[in-house]
Amino acid sequence: MIRTTSVGDGSELEWFKSSYSSNGNEGDCIEIATAPDTVHIRDSKHAQGPRFTVGRTAWAGFVTYATAR
């Protein structure tokens, strides 16, 4: 996975998305930002919209599940 950082957000979080998500032109994916105890998720098309936050253990479980699909 290659990280592509989103800029212009104004928050203290560093948002990124996988280069595997799209060719970079559509913006049709999620972005994540990590903090010491949490992972923040948002829609890349609506960066100022709602955000979903989960603990690191829950995120690791989701990634394990998703990669098996």
PDB file of N, CA and C in Angstrom:
ATOM      1  N   MET A   1       0.845  -1.168   0.000  1.00  0.00           N
ATOM      2  CA  MET A   1       0.000   0.000   0.000  1.00  0.00           C
ATOM      3  C   MET A   1       0.888   1.227   0.000  1.00  0.00           C
ATOM      4  N   ILE A   2       0.551   2.174  -0.825  1.00  0.00           N
ATOM      5  CA  ILE A   2       1.259   3.441  -0.887  1.00  0.00           C
ATOM      6  C   ILE A   2       0.339   4.497  -0.304  1.00  0.00           C
ATOM      7  N   ARG A   3       0.859   5.305   0.568  1.00  0.00           N
ATOM      8  CA  ARG A   3       0.030   6.338   1.187  1.00  0.00           C
ATOM      9  C   ARG A   3       0.051   7.614   0.357  1.00  0.00           C
ATOM     10  N   THR A   4      -1.117   8.156   0.156  1.00  0.00           N
ATOM     11  CA  THR A   4      -1.265   9.443  -0.508  1.00  0.00           C
ATOM     12  C   THR A   4      -1.943  10.374   0.481  1.00  0.00           C
ATOM     13  N   THR A   5      -1.230  11.386   0.934  1.00  0.00           N
ATOM     14  CA  THR A   5      -1.742  12.267   1.966  1.00  0.00           C
ATOM     15  C   THR A   5      -2.660  13.325   1.376  1.00  0.00           C
ATOM     16  N   SER A   6      -3.763  13.562   2.048  1.00  0.00           N
ATOM     17  CA  SER A   6      -4.703  14.605   1.668  1.00  0.00           C
ATOM     18  C   SER A   6      -4.284  15.911   2.346  1.00  0.00           C
ATOM     19  N   VAL A   7      -4.332  17.010   1.609  1.00  0.00           N
ATOM     20  CA  VAL A   7      -3.937  18.305   2.164  1.00  0.00           C
ATOM     21  C   VAL A   7      -5.111  19.265   2.153  1.00  0.00           C
ATOM     22  N   GLY A   8      -4.961  20.374   2.843  1.00  0.00           N
ATOM     23  CA  GLY A   8      -5.972  21.406   2.841  1.00  0.00           C
ATOM     24  C   GLY A   8      -7.124  21.153   3.787  1.00  0.00           C
ATOM     25  N   ASP A   9      -7.002  20.176   4.623  1.00  0.00           N
ATOM     26  CA  ASP A   9      -8.081  19.791   5.534  1.00  0.00           C
ATOM     27  C   ASP A   9      -8.113  20.691   6.762  1.00  0.00           C
ATOM     28  N   GLY A  10      -6.954  21.177   7.196  1.00  0.00           N
ATOM     29  CA  GLY A  10      -6.913  22.062   8.344  1.00  0.00           C
ATOM     30  C   GLY A  10      -6.903  21.363   9.684  1.00  0.00           C
ATOM     31  N   SER A  11      -7.062  20.060   9.724  1.00  0.00           N
ATOM     32  CA  SER A  11      -7.049  19.352  11.002  1.00  0.00           C
ATOM     33  C   SER A  11      -5.641  18.911  11.357  1.00  0.00           C
ATOM     34  N   GLU A  12      -5.483  18.483  12.593  1.00  0.00           N
ATOM     35  CA  GLU A  12      -4.189  17.993  13.028  1.00  0.00           C
ATOM     36  C   GLU A  12      -3.933  16.559  12.578  1.00  0.00           C
ATOM     37  N   LEU A  13      -4.949  15.909  12.034  1.00  0.00           N
ATOM     38  CA  LEU A  13      -4.803  14.539  11.555  1.00  0.00           C
ATOM     39  C   LEU A  13      -4.204  14.523  10.152  1.00  0.00           C
ATOM     40  N   GLU A  14      -3.375  13.523   9.878  1.00  0.00           N
ATOM     41  CA  GLU A  14      -2.812  13.348   8.542  1.00  0.00           C
ATOM     42  C   GLU A  14      -3.601  12.251   7.834  1.00  0.00           C
ATOM     43  N   TRP A  15      -4.420  12.655   6.882  1.00  0.00           N
ATOM     44  CA  TRP A  15      -5.312  11.733   6.180  1.00  0.00           C
ATOM     45  C   TRP A  15      -4.601  11.134   4.981  1.00  0.00           C
ATOM     46  N   PHE A  16      -4.853   9.850   4.730  1.00  0.00           N
ATOM     47  CA  PHE A  16      -4.292   9.212   3.549  1.00  0.00           C
ATOM     48  C   PHE A  16      -5.212   8.128   3.039  1.00  0.00           C
ATOM     49  N   LYS A  17      -4.982   7.743   1.789  1.00  0.00           N
ATOM     50  CA  LYS A  17      -5.720   6.642   1.201  1.00  0.00           C
ATOM     51  C   LYS A  17      -4.732   5.767   0.451  1.00  0.00           C
ATOM     52  N   SER A  18      -5.109   4.544   0.235  1.00  0.00           N
ATOM     53  CA  SER A  18      -4.267   3.599  -0.484  1.00  0.00           C
ATOM     54  C   SER A  18      -4.231   3.964  -1.961  1.00  0.00           C
ATOM     55  N   SER A  19      -3.093   3.792  -2.572  1.00  0.00           N
ATOM     56  CA  SER A  19      -2.998   4.013  -4.011  1.00  0.00           C
ATOM     57  C   SER A  19      -3.769   2.945  -4.776  1.00  0.00           C
ATOM     58  N   TYR A  20      -4.141   1.853  -4.121  1.00  0.00           N
ATOM     59  CA  TYR A  20      -4.923   0.800  -4.746  1.00  0.00           C
ATOM     60  C   TYR A  20      -6.406   1.157  -4.846  1.00  0.00           C
ATOM     61  N   SER A  21      -6.843   2.212  -4.190  1.00  0.00           N
ATOM     62  CA  SER A  21      -8.264   2.528  -4.124  1.00  0.00           C
ATOM     63  C   SER A  21      -8.833   3.034  -5.445  1.00  0.00           C
ATOM     64  N   SER A  22      -8.063   3.786  -6.211  1.00  0.00           N
ATOM     65  CA  SER A  22      -8.502   4.284  -7.517  1.00  0.00           C
ATOM     66  C   SER A  22      -7.282   4.852  -8.220  1.00  0.00           C
ATOM     67  N   ASN A  23      -7.496   5.377  -9.394  1.00  0.00           N
ATOM     68  CA  ASN A  23      -6.369   5.963 -10.116  1.00  0.00           C
ATOM     69  C   ASN A  23      -6.056   7.374  -9.626  1.00  0.00           C
ATOM     70  N   GLY A  24      -6.765   7.835  -8.616  1.00  0.00           N
ATOM     71  CA  GLY A  24      -6.502   9.147  -8.052  1.00  0.00           C
ATOM     72  C   GLY A  24      -7.350  10.260  -8.606  1.00  0.00           C
ATOM     73  N   ASN A  25      -8.065  10.027  -9.699  1.00  0.00           N
ATOM     74  CA  ASN A  25      -8.870  11.080 -10.306  1.00  0.00           C
ATOM     75  C   ASN A  25     -10.309  11.096  -9.818  1.00  0.00           C
ATOM     76  N   GLU A  26     -10.851   9.941  -9.476  1.00  0.00           N
ATOM     77  CA  GLU A  26     -12.250   9.889  -9.075  1.00  0.00           C
ATOM     78  C   GLU A  26     -12.471  10.350  -7.647  1.00  0.00           C
ATOM     79  N   GLY A  27     -11.543  10.052  -6.759  1.00  0.00           N
ATOM     80  CA  GLY A  27     -11.741  10.382  -5.358  1.00  0.00           C
ATOM     81  C   GLY A  27     -12.797   9.522  -4.702  1.00  0.00           C
ATOM     82  N   ASP A  28     -13.026   8.330  -5.243  1.00  0.00           N
ATOM     83  CA  ASP A  28     -14.101   7.468  -4.757  1.00  0.00           C
ATOM     84  C   ASP A  28     -13.580   6.404  -3.785  1.00  0.00           C
ATOM     85  N   CYS A  29     -13.157   6.854  -2.643  1.00  0.00           N
ATOM     86  CA  CYS A  29     -12.674   5.897  -1.653  1.00  0.00           C
ATOM     87  C   CYS A  29     -12.775   6.521  -0.266  1.00  0.00           C
ATOM     88  N   ILE A  30     -12.305   5.776   0.692  1.00  0.00           N
ATOM     89  CA  ILE A  30     -12.234   6.319   2.036  1.00  0.00           C
ATOM     90  C   ILE A  30     -10.804   6.766   2.303  1.00  0.00           C
ATOM     91  N   GLU A  31     -10.657   7.652   3.251  1.00  0.00           N
ATOM     92  CA  GLU A  31      -9.353   8.066   3.742  1.00  0.00           C
ATOM     93  C   GLU A  31      -9.307   7.720   5.218  1.00  0.00           C
ATOM     94  N   ILE A  32      -8.119   7.435   5.712  1.00  0.00           N
ATOM     95  CA  ILE A  32      -7.972   7.180   7.135  1.00  0.00           C
ATOM     96  C   ILE A  32      -6.879   8.063   7.707  1.00  0.00           C
ATOM     97  N   ALA A  33      -6.972   8.276   8.999  1.00  0.00           N
ATOM     98  CA  ALA A  33      -5.946   8.992   9.758  1.00  0.00           C
ATOM     99  C   ALA A  33      -5.790   8.242  11.072  1.00  0.00           C
ATOM    100  N   THR A  34      -4.568   8.078  11.483  1.00  0.00           N
ATOM    101  CA  THR A  34      -4.337   7.339  12.720  1.00  0.00           C
ATOM    102  C   THR A  34      -3.945   8.287  13.843  1.00  0.00           C
ATOM    103  N   ALA A  35      -4.380   7.937  15.026  1.00  0.00           N
ATOM    104  CA  ALA A  35      -4.016   8.632  16.262  1.00  0.00           C
ATOM    105  C   ALA A  35      -3.502   7.537  17.207  1.00  0.00           C
ATOM    106  N   PRO A  36      -2.954   7.896  18.340  1.00  0.00           N
ATOM    107  CA  PRO A  36      -2.383   6.869  19.215  1.00  0.00           C
ATOM    108  C   PRO A  36      -3.316   5.700  19.541  1.00  0.00           C
ATOM    109  N   ASP A  37      -4.569   5.948  19.812  1.00  0.00           N
ATOM    110  CA  ASP A  37      -5.478   4.868  20.210  1.00  0.00           C
ATOM    111  C   ASP A  37      -6.630   4.630  19.251  1.00  0.00           C
ATOM    112  N   THR A  38      -6.736   5.427  18.192  1.00  0.00           N
ATOM    113  CA  THR A  38      -7.897   5.346  17.306  1.00  0.00           C
ATOM    114  C   THR A  38      -7.505   5.446  15.839  1.00  0.00           C
ATOM    115  N   VAL A  39      -8.434   5.033  14.986  1.00  0.00           N
ATOM    116  CA  VAL A  39      -8.315   5.206  13.548  1.00  0.00           C
ATOM    117  C   VAL A  39      -9.566   5.956  13.103  1.00  0.00           C
ATOM    118  N   HIS A  40      -9.375   7.033  12.362  1.00  0.00           N
ATOM    119  CA  HIS A  40     -10.467   7.879  11.889  1.00  0.00           C
ATOM    120  C   HIS A  40     -10.697   7.588  10.412  1.00  0.00           C
ATOM    121  N   ILE A  41     -11.964   7.482  10.001  1.00  0.00           N
ATOM    122  CA  ILE A  41     -12.323   7.141   8.630  1.00  0.00           C
ATOM    123  C   ILE A  41     -13.283   8.204   8.115  1.00  0.00           C
ATOM    124  N   ARG A  42     -13.076   8.615   6.846  1.00  0.00           N
ATOM    125  CA  ARG A  42     -13.987   9.576   6.220  1.00  0.00           C
ATOM    126  C   ARG A  42     -14.094   9.288   4.726  1.00  0.00           C
ATOM    127  N   ASP A  43     -15.131   9.811   4.107  1.00  0.00           N
ATOM    128  CA  ASP A  43     -15.356   9.705   2.668  1.00  0.00           C
ATOM    129  C   ASP A  43     -14.477  10.749   1.988  1.00  0.00           C
ATOM    130  N   SER A  44     -13.653  10.323   1.051  1.00  0.00           N
ATOM    131  CA  SER A  44     -12.734  11.255   0.400  1.00  0.00           C
ATOM    132  C   SER A  44     -13.459  12.320  -0.419  1.00  0.00           C
ATOM    133  N   LYS A  45     -14.680  12.038  -0.861  1.00  0.00           N
ATOM    134  CA  LYS A  45     -15.441  13.023  -1.629  1.00  0.00           C
ATOM    135  C   LYS A  45     -16.073  14.091  -0.739  1.00  0.00           C
ATOM    136  N   HIS A  46     -16.200  13.794   0.557  1.00  0.00           N
ATOM    137  CA  HIS A  46     -16.836  14.711   1.502  1.00  0.00           C
ATOM    138  C   HIS A  46     -15.943  14.846   2.739  1.00  0.00           C
ATOM    139  N   ALA A  47     -14.766  15.410   2.534  1.00  0.00           N
ATOM    140  CA  ALA A  47     -13.760  15.488   3.598  1.00  0.00           C
ATOM    141  C   ALA A  47     -14.254  16.231   4.841  1.00  0.00           C
ATOM    142  N   GLN A  48     -15.162  17.171   4.674  1.00  0.00           N
ATOM    143  CA  GLN A  48     -15.671  17.918   5.819  1.00  0.00           C
ATOM    144  C   GLN A  48     -16.922  17.277   6.425  1.00  0.00           C
ATOM    145  N   GLY A  49     -17.362  16.181   5.836  1.00  0.00           N
ATOM    146  CA  GLY A  49     -18.563  15.496   6.297  1.00  0.00           C
ATOM    147  C   GLY A  49     -18.315  14.639   7.530  1.00  0.00           C
ATOM    148  N   PRO A  50     -19.228  13.723   7.810  1.00  0.00           N
ATOM    149  CA  PRO A  50     -19.119  12.873   8.997  1.00  0.00           C
ATOM    150  C   PRO A  50     -17.876  12.001   8.969  1.00  0.00           C
ATOM    151  N   ARG A  51     -17.396  11.694  10.145  1.00  0.00           N
ATOM    152  CA  ARG A  51     -16.238  10.820  10.305  1.00  0.00           C
ATOM    153  C   ARG A  51     -16.592   9.707  11.269  1.00  0.00           C
ATOM    154  N   PHE A  52     -15.984   8.576  11.048  1.00  0.00           N
ATOM    155  CA  PHE A  52     -16.211   7.394  11.860  1.00  0.00           C
ATOM    156  C   PHE A  52     -14.898   7.067  12.551  1.00  0.00           C
ATOM    157  N   THR A  53     -14.937   6.817  13.842  1.00  0.00           N
ATOM    158  CA  THR A  53     -13.728   6.528  14.602  1.00  0.00           C
ATOM    159  C   THR A  53     -13.859   5.183  15.293  1.00  0.00           C
ATOM    160  N   VAL A  54     -12.807   4.368  15.178  1.00  0.00           N
ATOM    161  CA  VAL A  54     -12.777   3.059  15.824  1.00  0.00           C
ATOM    162  C   VAL A  54     -11.449   2.891  16.552  1.00  0.00           C
ATOM    163  N   GLY A  55     -11.426   1.959  17.477  1.00  0.00           N
ATOM    164  CA  GLY A  55     -10.182   1.632  18.159  1.00  0.00           C
ATOM    165  C   GLY A  55      -9.252   0.861  17.230  1.00  0.00           C
ATOM    166  N   ARG A  56      -7.983   0.855  17.569  1.00  0.00           N
ATOM    167  CA  ARG A  56      -6.995   0.169  16.732  1.00  0.00           C
ATOM    168  C   ARG A  56      -7.269  -1.334  16.623  1.00  0.00           C
ATOM    169  N   THR A  57      -7.743  -1.953  17.678  1.00  0.00           N
ATOM    170  CA  THR A  57      -8.033  -3.387  17.642  1.00  0.00           C
ATOM    171  C   THR A  57      -9.177  -3.675  16.674  1.00  0.00           C
ATOM    172  N   ALA A  58     -10.225  -2.858  16.716  1.00  0.00           N
ATOM    173  CA  ALA A  58     -11.352  -3.028  15.795  1.00  0.00           C
ATOM    174  C   ALA A  58     -10.896  -2.820  14.346  1.00  0.00           C
ATOM    175  N   TRP A  59     -10.057  -1.826  14.111  1.00  0.00           N
ATOM    176  CA  TRP A  59      -9.561  -1.559  12.757  1.00  0.00           C
ATOM    177  C   TRP A  59      -8.719  -2.738  12.260  1.00  0.00           C
ATOM    178  N   ALA A  60      -7.864  -3.262  13.094  1.00  0.00           N
ATOM    179  CA  ALA A  60      -7.034  -4.408  12.702  1.00  0.00           C
ATOM    180  C   ALA A  60      -7.916  -5.604  12.347  1.00  0.00           C
ATOM    181  N   GLY A  61      -8.977  -5.831  13.120  1.00  0.00           N
ATOM    182  CA  GLY A  61      -9.906  -6.906  12.815  1.00  0.00           C
ATOM    183  C   GLY A  61     -10.602  -6.698  11.484  1.00  0.00           C
ATOM    184  N   PHE A  62     -11.006  -5.466  11.202  1.00  0.00           N
ATOM    185  CA  PHE A  62     -11.662  -5.152   9.932  1.00  0.00           C
ATOM    186  C   PHE A  62     -10.708  -5.374   8.759  1.00  0.00           C
ATOM    187  N   VAL A  63      -9.488  -4.896   8.880  1.00  0.00           N
ATOM    188  CA  VAL A  63      -8.514  -5.053   7.792  1.00  0.00           C
ATOM    189  C   VAL A  63      -8.242  -6.537   7.533  1.00  0.00           C
ATOM    190  N   THR A  64      -8.099  -7.313   8.588  1.00  0.00           N
ATOM    191  CA  THR A  64      -7.905  -8.757   8.437  1.00  0.00           C
ATOM    192  C   THR A  64      -9.088  -9.381   7.708  1.00  0.00           C
ATOM    193  N   TYR A  65     -10.294  -9.024   8.107  1.00  0.00           N
ATOM    194  CA  TYR A  65     -11.505  -9.534   7.474  1.00  0.00           C
ATOM    195  C   TYR A  65     -11.563  -9.114   5.989  1.00  0.00           C
ATOM    196  N   ALA A  66     -11.316  -7.833   5.716  1.00  0.00           N
ATOM    197  CA  ALA A  66     -11.442  -7.312   4.363  1.00  0.00           C
ATOM    198  C   ALA A  66     -10.401  -7.908   3.414  1.00  0.00           C
ATOM    199  N   THR A  67      -9.206  -8.147   3.872  1.00  0.00           N
ATOM    200  CA  THR A  67      -8.176  -8.695   2.991  1.00  0.00           C
ATOM    201  C   THR A  67      -8.426 -10.162   2.649  1.00  0.00           C
ATOM    202  N   ALA A  68      -9.243 -10.824   3.451  1.00  0.00           N
ATOM    203  CA  ALA A  68      -9.580 -12.223   3.162  1.00  0.00           C
ATOM    204  C   ALA A  68     -10.690 -12.344   2.117  1.00  0.00           C
ATOM    205  N   ARG A  69     -11.290 -11.252   1.727  1.00  0.00           N
ATOM    206  CA  ARG A  69     -12.409 -11.253   0.770  1.00  0.00           C
ATOM    207  C   ARG A  69     -11.924 -11.064  -0.625  1.00  0.00           C
TER     208      ARG A  69
END
